[in-house]
Amino acid sequence: MKKLFILLFFVPFFSFGQTTATPTSIASNSNQEVSISNDVLQKYAGVYELNKDFQVTISVEQDKLFALAPGDQEKSEFTPETITKFYLKGTPAKIEFVEENGQLYLLVNMQGGLKLKKVS
C-alpha cells in the first residue's frame, strides 16, 4: 500500500496542531473518471501545508495529477471524479480542491477530514 494513503489515513492521529475540515461534499462513492483540462490541473499544482512539518506536493505530468507526501518514494496518481474532486484508485482516499477568499486549499477525506493550505 502506498505511503501517501497511509499518511493521509493516520496523520489525524498525530498531534501536529493540525487544521481539520469536514469535507462531506467529497464523501461520494461514484469514482467515475472525467476529463479535466491541463490548465485546470496546473492551477492545482503546488505545495500544500498542514503545518510546517507536513507538506504534500501536487504535480501534473502528461495531463495527470500526482501527489507526493513526506517519506514517499514515488508519486501517487489521483484520478478526477469531477473538476475539483479526485480519488486514489483502489483506496477510499479522496481529495478536493476548494477556493476560499482567493486562497486554494486541499481537502482530504480521511478520518474526519484535513485541510491543507496551498503555500506555493
C-alpha atoms as a PDB file:
ATOM      1  CA  MET A   1       0.000   0.000   0.000  1.00  0.00           C
ATOM      2  CA  LYS A   2       1.321   3.422  -0.844  1.00  0.00           C
ATOM      3  CA  LYS A   3       2.732   5.648   1.873  1.00  0.00           C
ATOM      4  CA  LEU A   4       0.575   8.578   0.757  1.00  0.00           C
ATOM      5  CA  PHE A   5      -2.574   6.628   1.579  1.00  0.00           C
ATOM      6  CA  ILE A   6      -1.091   5.604   4.917  1.00  0.00           C
ATOM      7  CA  LEU A   7      -0.094   9.196   5.730  1.00  0.00           C
ATOM      8  CA  LEU A   8      -3.478  10.564   4.733  1.00  0.00           C
ATOM      9  CA  PHE A   9      -5.165   7.919   6.857  1.00  0.00           C
ATOM     10  CA  PHE A  10      -3.048   8.227  10.008  1.00  0.00           C
ATOM     11  CA  VAL A  11      -1.972  11.902  10.057  1.00  0.00           C
ATOM     12  CA  PRO A  12      -5.046  12.998  12.060  1.00  0.00           C
ATOM     13  CA  PHE A  13      -3.951  10.763  14.945  1.00  0.00           C
ATOM     14  CA  PHE A  14      -0.717  12.702  15.470  1.00  0.00           C
ATOM     15  CA  SER A  15      -0.797  15.930  17.457  1.00  0.00           C
ATOM     16  CA  PHE A  16       0.597  18.302  14.837  1.00  0.00           C
ATOM     17  CA  GLY A  17      -1.801  21.058  15.810  1.00  0.00           C
ATOM     18  CA  GLN A  18      -3.489  20.325  12.510  1.00  0.00           C
ATOM     19  CA  THR A  19      -6.296  22.137  10.830  1.00  0.00           C
ATOM     20  CA  THR A  20      -9.284  19.890  10.323  1.00  0.00           C
ATOM     21  CA  ALA A  21     -12.152  20.168   7.928  1.00  0.00           C
ATOM     22  CA  THR A  22     -15.298  18.243   7.325  1.00  0.00           C
ATOM     23  CA  PRO A  23     -15.287  17.751   3.567  1.00  0.00           C
ATOM     24  CA  THR A  24     -18.638  15.981   3.415  1.00  0.00           C
ATOM     25  CA  SER A  25     -19.027  17.039  -0.196  1.00  0.00           C
ATOM     26  CA  ILE A  26     -16.251  14.641  -1.222  1.00  0.00           C
ATOM     27  CA  ALA A  27     -17.663  11.597   0.505  1.00  0.00           C
ATOM     28  CA  SER A  28     -19.438  10.251  -2.578  1.00  0.00           C
ATOM     29  CA  ASN A  29     -18.520   6.822  -3.878  1.00  0.00           C
ATOM     30  CA  SER A  30     -19.122   7.403  -7.586  1.00  0.00           C
ATOM     31  CA  ASN A  31     -15.469   7.090  -8.680  1.00  0.00           C
ATOM     32  CA  GLN A  32     -16.424   7.920 -12.247  1.00  0.00           C
ATOM     33  CA  GLU A  33     -13.483   9.248 -14.199  1.00  0.00           C
ATOM     34  CA  VAL A  34     -13.866  12.573 -16.021  1.00  0.00           C
ATOM     35  CA  SER A  35     -11.560  14.559 -18.281  1.00  0.00           C
ATOM     36  CA  ILE A  36     -10.066  17.815 -16.977  1.00  0.00           C
ATOM     37  CA  SER A  37      -8.037  20.347 -18.952  1.00  0.00           C
ATOM     38  CA  ASN A  38      -4.336  20.731 -18.258  1.00  0.00           C
ATOM     39  CA  ASP A  39      -4.938  24.411 -17.403  1.00  0.00           C
ATOM     40  CA  VAL A  40      -7.224  23.435 -14.530  1.00  0.00           C
ATOM     41  CA  LEU A  41      -4.801  20.756 -13.324  1.00  0.00           C
ATOM     42  CA  GLN A  42      -1.903  23.244 -13.404  1.00  0.00           C
ATOM     43  CA  LYS A  43      -3.903  25.556 -11.119  1.00  0.00           C
ATOM     44  CA  TYR A  44      -3.881  22.774  -8.509  1.00  0.00           C
ATOM     45  CA  ALA A  45      -0.125  22.077  -8.782  1.00  0.00           C
ATOM     46  CA  GLY A  46       1.961  23.277  -5.854  1.00  0.00           C
ATOM     47  CA  VAL A  47       2.833  22.639  -2.234  1.00  0.00           C
ATOM     48  CA  TYR A  48       0.032  22.260   0.315  1.00  0.00           C
ATOM     49  CA  GLU A  49       0.783  22.527   4.009  1.00  0.00           C
ATOM     50  CA  LEU A  50      -0.995  21.098   7.019  1.00  0.00           C
ATOM     51  CA  ASN A  51       1.733  22.619   9.176  1.00  0.00           C
ATOM     52  CA  LYS A  52       5.462  23.281   8.769  1.00  0.00           C
ATOM     53  CA  ASP A  53       6.222  19.596   9.382  1.00  0.00           C
ATOM     54  CA  PHE A  54       3.744  18.129   6.905  1.00  0.00           C
ATOM     55  CA  GLN A  55       3.539  19.207   3.277  1.00  0.00           C
ATOM     56  CA  VAL A  56       2.102  17.455   0.232  1.00  0.00           C
ATOM     57  CA  THR A  57       3.348  18.324  -3.249  1.00  0.00           C
ATOM     58  CA  ILE A  58       0.795  18.184  -6.059  1.00  0.00           C
ATOM     59  CA  SER A  59       2.185  17.967  -9.588  1.00  0.00           C
ATOM     60  CA  VAL A  60       0.876  17.464 -13.115  1.00  0.00           C
ATOM     61  CA  GLU A  61       2.514  15.148 -15.630  1.00  0.00           C
ATOM     62  CA  GLN A  62       1.020  14.261 -19.009  1.00  0.00           C
ATOM     63  CA  ASP A  63      -2.388  15.673 -18.005  1.00  0.00           C
ATOM     64  CA  LYS A  64      -2.497  13.587 -14.814  1.00  0.00           C
ATOM     65  CA  LEU A  65      -2.497  14.754 -11.189  1.00  0.00           C
ATOM     66  CA  PHE A  66       0.050  13.316  -8.757  1.00  0.00           C
ATOM     67  CA  ALA A  67       0.667  13.749  -5.030  1.00  0.00           C
ATOM     68  CA  LEU A  68       3.901  13.220  -3.112  1.00  0.00           C
ATOM     69  CA  ALA A  69       3.792  13.141   0.677  1.00  0.00           C
ATOM     70  CA  PRO A  70       6.725  13.235   3.118  1.00  0.00           C
ATOM     71  CA  GLY A  71       8.602   9.935   3.165  1.00  0.00           C
ATOM     72  CA  ASP A  72       7.109   8.694  -0.101  1.00  0.00           C
ATOM     73  CA  GLN A  73       9.492   7.270  -2.664  1.00  0.00           C
ATOM     74  CA  GLU A  74       7.073   7.667  -5.551  1.00  0.00           C
ATOM     75  CA  LYS A  75       4.168   9.891  -6.501  1.00  0.00           C
ATOM     76  CA  SER A  76       0.578   8.671  -6.237  1.00  0.00           C
ATOM     77  CA  GLU A  77      -1.744   9.321  -9.166  1.00  0.00           C
ATOM     78  CA  PHE A  78      -5.143  10.781  -8.347  1.00  0.00           C
ATOM     79  CA  THR A  79      -7.966  10.273 -10.849  1.00  0.00           C
ATOM     80  CA  PRO A  80     -10.516  13.063 -11.469  1.00  0.00           C
ATOM     81  CA  GLU A  81     -14.100  12.407 -10.466  1.00  0.00           C
ATOM     82  CA  THR A  82     -15.250  15.999 -11.053  1.00  0.00           C
ATOM     83  CA  ILE A  83     -13.386  19.204 -11.903  1.00  0.00           C
ATOM     84  CA  THR A  84     -12.399  19.600  -8.211  1.00  0.00           C
ATOM     85  CA  LYS A  85     -12.658  16.078  -6.749  1.00  0.00           C
ATOM     86  CA  PHE A  86     -10.132  13.266  -7.183  1.00  0.00           C
ATOM     87  CA  TYR A  87      -9.650   9.748  -5.840  1.00  0.00           C
ATOM     88  CA  LEU A  88      -6.768   7.310  -5.420  1.00  0.00           C
ATOM     89  CA  LYS A  89      -7.689   4.109  -7.255  1.00  0.00           C
ATOM     90  CA  GLY A  90      -8.005   1.043  -5.073  1.00  0.00           C
ATOM     91  CA  THR A  91      -8.339   3.028  -1.830  1.00  0.00           C
ATOM     92  CA  PRO A  92     -11.016   5.107  -0.105  1.00  0.00           C
ATOM     93  CA  ALA A  93      -8.705   8.161  -0.280  1.00  0.00           C
ATOM     94  CA  LYS A  94     -10.332  11.210  -1.872  1.00  0.00           C
ATOM     95  CA  ILE A  95      -9.230  14.806  -2.198  1.00  0.00           C
ATOM     96  CA  GLU A  96     -10.941  18.015  -3.208  1.00  0.00           C
ATOM     97  CA  PHE A  97      -9.581  21.415  -4.195  1.00  0.00           C
ATOM     98  CA  VAL A  98     -11.560  24.390  -2.876  1.00  0.00           C
ATOM     99  CA  GLU A  99     -11.012  28.120  -3.086  1.00  0.00           C
ATOM    100  CA  GLU A 100     -11.923  30.342  -0.158  1.00  0.00           C
ATOM    101  CA  ASN A 101     -11.389  34.102  -0.368  1.00  0.00           C
ATOM    102  CA  GLY A 102      -8.845  33.683  -3.153  1.00  0.00           C
ATOM    103  CA  GLN A 103      -6.833  31.025  -1.268  1.00  0.00           C
ATOM    104  CA  LEU A 104      -6.639  27.464  -2.632  1.00  0.00           C
ATOM    105  CA  TYR A 105      -6.988  24.559  -0.198  1.00  0.00           C
ATOM    106  CA  LEU A 106      -6.684  20.800  -0.490  1.00  0.00           C
ATOM    107  CA  LEU A 107      -9.287  18.856   1.481  1.00  0.00           C
ATOM    108  CA  VAL A 108      -8.534  15.237   2.299  1.00  0.00           C
ATOM    109  CA  ASN A 109     -11.493  12.983   3.063  1.00  0.00           C
ATOM    110  CA  MET A 110      -9.882  10.696   5.636  1.00  0.00           C
ATOM    111  CA  GLN A 111     -10.526  10.345   9.379  1.00  0.00           C
ATOM    112  CA  GLY A 112     -12.710  13.393   9.808  1.00  0.00           C
ATOM    113  CA  GLY A 113     -11.006  15.459   7.133  1.00  0.00           C
ATOM    114  CA  LEU A 114      -7.856  17.519   6.725  1.00  0.00           C
ATOM    115  CA  LYS A 115      -7.479  20.969   5.217  1.00  0.00           C
ATOM    116  CA  LEU A 116      -4.104  21.837   3.694  1.00  0.00           C
ATOM    117  CA  LYS A 117      -3.349  25.384   2.510  1.00  0.00           C
ATOM    118  CA  LYS A 118      -1.553  25.979  -0.800  1.00  0.00           C
ATOM    119  CA  VAL A 119       1.716  27.733   0.085  1.00  0.00           C
ATOM    120  CA  SER A 120       3.479  27.717  -3.294  1.00  0.00           C
END
